[in-house]
């Protein structure tokens, strides 16, 4: 079975950029979870690891990171994820 949870996570500290990516994805009939800092990405991934949905759950397939965020940059987040 296919998981119906959102498969894309984006992080950016600028609300306009968050909205722009969400609107772009909407054109392709896709949805994403959005957070405003690097720590939010790590928090979402920790929640995602224990999330249970109706179907077989899969973690995010794509994570979009802003490189210049105040707490953790996109590069720092990517290093922590790996």
N, C-alpha and C. Protein backbone atom coordinates (compact mmCIF):
# COMPACT_ATOMS: atom_id res chain seq x y z
N UNK A 1 0.84 -1.19 0.00
CA UNK A 1 0.00 0.00 0.00
C UNK A 1 0.88 1.25 0.00
N UNK A 2 0.32 2.32 -0.52
CA UNK A 2 1.04 3.58 -0.62
C UNK A 2 0.66 4.49 0.54
N UNK A 3 1.64 5.14 1.11
CA UNK A 3 1.42 6.09 2.20
C UNK A 3 0.82 7.39 1.65
N UNK A 4 -0.21 7.91 2.30
CA UNK A 4 -0.83 9.14 1.85
C UNK A 4 -0.32 10.36 2.61
N UNK A 5 0.66 10.18 3.47
CA UNK A 5 1.25 11.30 4.20
C UNK A 5 2.06 12.16 3.23
N UNK A 6 2.29 13.41 3.60
CA UNK A 6 3.07 14.30 2.75
C UNK A 6 4.49 13.77 2.63
N UNK A 7 5.03 13.78 1.43
CA UNK A 7 6.34 13.20 1.15
C UNK A 7 7.44 14.25 1.01
N UNK A 8 7.08 15.54 1.11
CA UNK A 8 8.05 16.62 0.94
C UNK A 8 8.05 17.48 2.21
N UNK A 9 9.25 17.84 2.66
CA UNK A 9 9.42 18.73 3.79
C UNK A 9 10.29 19.89 3.33
N UNK A 10 9.88 21.12 3.64
CA UNK A 10 10.69 22.27 3.27
C UNK A 10 10.97 23.12 4.50
N UNK A 11 12.14 23.75 4.50
CA UNK A 11 12.53 24.62 5.60
C UNK A 11 13.08 25.92 5.04
N UNK A 12 12.52 27.02 5.51
CA UNK A 12 13.00 28.34 5.12
C UNK A 12 12.54 29.33 6.18
N UNK A 13 13.37 30.31 6.50
CA UNK A 13 12.99 31.29 7.52
C UNK A 13 12.20 32.46 6.94
N UNK A 14 12.03 32.49 5.62
CA UNK A 14 11.25 33.54 4.97
C UNK A 14 9.87 33.00 4.58
N UNK A 15 8.84 33.63 5.10
CA UNK A 15 7.47 33.19 4.83
C UNK A 15 7.14 33.24 3.34
N UNK A 16 7.65 34.26 2.62
CA UNK A 16 7.39 34.36 1.19
C UNK A 16 7.93 33.14 0.46
N UNK A 17 9.13 32.68 0.80
CA UNK A 17 9.73 31.51 0.14
C UNK A 17 8.92 30.24 0.43
N UNK A 18 8.47 30.11 1.66
CA UNK A 18 7.62 28.96 2.03
C UNK A 18 6.37 28.94 1.15
N UNK A 19 5.72 30.11 1.04
CA UNK A 19 4.50 30.21 0.26
C UNK A 19 4.77 29.95 -1.22
N UNK A 20 5.88 30.45 -1.73
CA UNK A 20 6.21 30.26 -3.14
C UNK A 20 6.39 28.78 -3.47
N UNK A 21 7.11 28.05 -2.62
CA UNK A 21 7.31 26.61 -2.86
C UNK A 21 5.98 25.87 -2.75
N UNK A 22 5.18 26.22 -1.74
CA UNK A 22 3.87 25.56 -1.60
C UNK A 22 3.01 25.79 -2.84
N UNK A 23 3.00 27.02 -3.37
CA UNK A 23 2.22 27.32 -4.56
C UNK A 23 2.75 26.59 -5.78
N UNK A 24 4.06 26.51 -5.91
CA UNK A 24 4.65 25.78 -7.03
C UNK A 24 4.28 24.30 -6.97
N UNK A 25 4.39 23.70 -5.79
CA UNK A 25 4.04 22.29 -5.64
C UNK A 25 2.56 22.05 -5.89
N UNK A 26 1.73 23.02 -5.51
CA UNK A 26 0.29 22.90 -5.72
C UNK A 26 -0.03 22.78 -7.22
N UNK A 27 0.75 23.44 -8.07
CA UNK A 27 0.56 23.34 -9.53
C UNK A 27 0.74 21.91 -10.01
N UNK A 28 1.55 21.14 -9.29
CA UNK A 28 1.79 19.74 -9.64
C UNK A 28 0.96 18.79 -8.77
N UNK A 29 -0.03 19.36 -8.06
CA UNK A 29 -0.92 18.59 -7.19
C UNK A 29 -0.14 17.84 -6.10
N UNK A 30 0.86 18.54 -5.54
CA UNK A 30 1.66 17.99 -4.45
C UNK A 30 1.52 18.90 -3.24
N UNK A 31 1.70 18.32 -2.07
CA UNK A 31 1.65 19.09 -0.83
C UNK A 31 2.94 18.83 -0.05
N UNK A 32 3.26 19.76 0.84
CA UNK A 32 4.45 19.57 1.65
C UNK A 32 4.20 20.05 3.07
N UNK A 33 5.01 19.54 3.98
CA UNK A 33 5.07 20.08 5.33
C UNK A 33 6.10 21.20 5.29
N UNK A 34 5.87 22.26 6.05
CA UNK A 34 6.77 23.40 6.05
C UNK A 34 7.18 23.77 7.47
N UNK A 35 8.45 24.10 7.63
CA UNK A 35 8.96 24.57 8.91
C UNK A 35 9.81 25.82 8.65
N UNK A 36 10.03 26.60 9.70
CA UNK A 36 10.70 27.89 9.55
C UNK A 36 12.13 27.92 10.07
N UNK A 37 12.68 26.77 10.45
CA UNK A 37 14.08 26.74 10.87
C UNK A 37 14.62 25.32 10.79
N UNK A 38 15.93 25.22 10.92
CA UNK A 38 16.59 23.93 10.80
C UNK A 38 16.21 22.95 11.90
N UNK A 39 16.05 23.45 13.10
CA UNK A 39 15.66 22.56 14.20
C UNK A 39 14.28 21.97 13.95
N UNK A 40 13.42 22.75 13.30
CA UNK A 40 12.09 22.24 12.95
C UNK A 40 12.17 21.03 12.03
N UNK A 41 13.15 21.02 11.13
CA UNK A 41 13.34 19.87 10.25
C UNK A 41 13.67 18.64 11.07
N UNK A 42 14.62 18.79 11.98
CA UNK A 42 15.03 17.65 12.82
C UNK A 42 13.86 17.17 13.67
N UNK A 43 13.06 18.11 14.20
CA UNK A 43 11.89 17.73 14.99
C UNK A 43 10.87 16.96 14.15
N UNK A 44 10.62 17.43 12.93
CA UNK A 44 9.68 16.75 12.04
C UNK A 44 10.18 15.35 11.70
N UNK A 45 11.48 15.22 11.45
CA UNK A 45 12.03 13.90 11.12
C UNK A 45 11.91 12.95 12.30
N UNK A 46 12.09 13.45 13.52
CA UNK A 46 11.93 12.59 14.70
C UNK A 46 10.47 12.18 14.86
N UNK A 47 9.54 13.08 14.62
CA UNK A 47 8.11 12.74 14.68
C UNK A 47 7.76 11.76 13.57
N UNK A 48 8.33 12.00 12.39
CA UNK A 48 8.03 11.19 11.21
C UNK A 48 8.47 9.75 11.42
N UNK A 49 9.57 9.56 12.15
CA UNK A 49 10.09 8.21 12.37
C UNK A 49 9.12 7.35 13.18
N UNK A 50 8.28 8.00 14.01
CA UNK A 50 7.35 7.23 14.83
C UNK A 50 5.90 7.38 14.36
N UNK A 51 5.68 8.16 13.30
CA UNK A 51 4.33 8.42 12.80
C UNK A 51 3.71 7.13 12.26
N UNK A 52 2.48 6.94 12.56
CA UNK A 52 1.72 5.80 12.05
C UNK A 52 0.53 6.35 11.26
N UNK A 53 0.39 5.94 10.05
CA UNK A 53 -0.77 6.33 9.27
C UNK A 53 -1.55 5.08 8.88
N UNK A 54 -2.60 5.26 8.12
CA UNK A 54 -3.46 4.14 7.77
C UNK A 54 -2.75 3.12 6.89
N UNK A 55 -1.79 3.59 6.10
CA UNK A 55 -1.08 2.72 5.17
C UNK A 55 0.36 2.51 5.63
N UNK A 56 1.12 1.84 4.84
CA UNK A 56 2.53 1.65 5.15
C UNK A 56 3.23 3.00 5.04
N UNK A 57 3.78 3.49 6.14
CA UNK A 57 4.33 4.83 6.19
C UNK A 57 5.77 4.86 5.67
N UNK A 58 6.09 5.88 4.89
CA UNK A 58 7.44 6.10 4.41
C UNK A 58 7.89 7.50 4.82
N UNK A 59 9.18 7.65 5.10
CA UNK A 59 9.69 8.96 5.47
C UNK A 59 9.70 9.88 4.26
N UNK A 60 9.99 11.16 4.50
CA UNK A 60 10.01 12.14 3.41
C UNK A 60 10.93 11.68 2.29
N UNK A 61 10.48 11.88 1.06
CA UNK A 61 11.29 11.54 -0.10
C UNK A 61 12.12 12.73 -0.56
N UNK A 62 11.71 13.95 -0.21
CA UNK A 62 12.43 15.15 -0.61
C UNK A 62 12.40 16.15 0.54
N UNK A 63 13.57 16.71 0.86
CA UNK A 63 13.67 17.76 1.87
C UNK A 63 14.33 18.96 1.20
N UNK A 64 13.63 20.09 1.20
CA UNK A 64 14.13 21.33 0.60
C UNK A 64 14.62 22.22 1.74
N UNK A 65 15.90 22.58 1.70
CA UNK A 65 16.51 23.35 2.78
C UNK A 65 17.03 24.70 2.30
N UNK A 66 16.74 25.74 3.05
CA UNK A 66 17.37 27.04 2.84
C UNK A 66 18.76 26.98 3.46
N UNK A 67 19.74 27.53 2.79
CA UNK A 67 21.10 27.45 3.30
C UNK A 67 21.36 28.42 4.44
N UNK A 68 20.66 29.55 4.49
CA UNK A 68 20.94 30.58 5.48
C UNK A 68 19.75 30.75 6.42
N UNK A 69 19.68 29.88 7.41
CA UNK A 69 18.64 30.00 8.44
C UNK A 69 19.33 30.36 9.75
N UNK A 70 18.63 31.03 10.67
CA UNK A 70 19.28 31.55 11.87
C UNK A 70 19.85 30.51 12.84
N UNK A 71 19.16 29.43 13.10
CA UNK A 71 19.66 28.49 14.12
C UNK A 71 20.59 27.44 13.51
N UNK A 72 20.13 26.73 12.54
CA UNK A 72 20.93 25.73 11.83
C UNK A 72 20.80 26.00 10.34
N UNK A 73 21.91 26.10 9.63
CA UNK A 73 21.84 26.31 8.18
C UNK A 73 21.41 25.02 7.51
N UNK A 74 21.06 25.12 6.24
CA UNK A 74 20.68 23.93 5.48
C UNK A 74 21.80 22.90 5.45
N UNK A 75 23.04 23.37 5.35
CA UNK A 75 24.19 22.46 5.33
C UNK A 75 24.32 21.73 6.67
N UNK A 76 24.17 22.47 7.77
CA UNK A 76 24.26 21.85 9.10
C UNK A 76 23.15 20.81 9.30
N UNK A 77 21.95 21.12 8.83
CA UNK A 77 20.84 20.18 8.93
C UNK A 77 21.13 18.94 8.11
N UNK A 78 21.63 19.13 6.88
CA UNK A 78 21.94 17.98 6.03
C UNK A 78 22.99 17.08 6.67
N UNK A 79 23.99 17.69 7.30
CA UNK A 79 25.03 16.91 7.98
C UNK A 79 24.42 16.11 9.13
N UNK A 80 23.54 16.74 9.90
CA UNK A 80 22.91 16.03 11.03
C UNK A 80 22.00 14.89 10.54
N UNK A 81 21.30 15.10 9.42
CA UNK A 81 20.43 14.05 8.87
C UNK A 81 21.25 12.86 8.43
N UNK A 82 22.36 13.12 7.75
CA UNK A 82 23.20 12.03 7.24
C UNK A 82 23.80 11.29 8.39
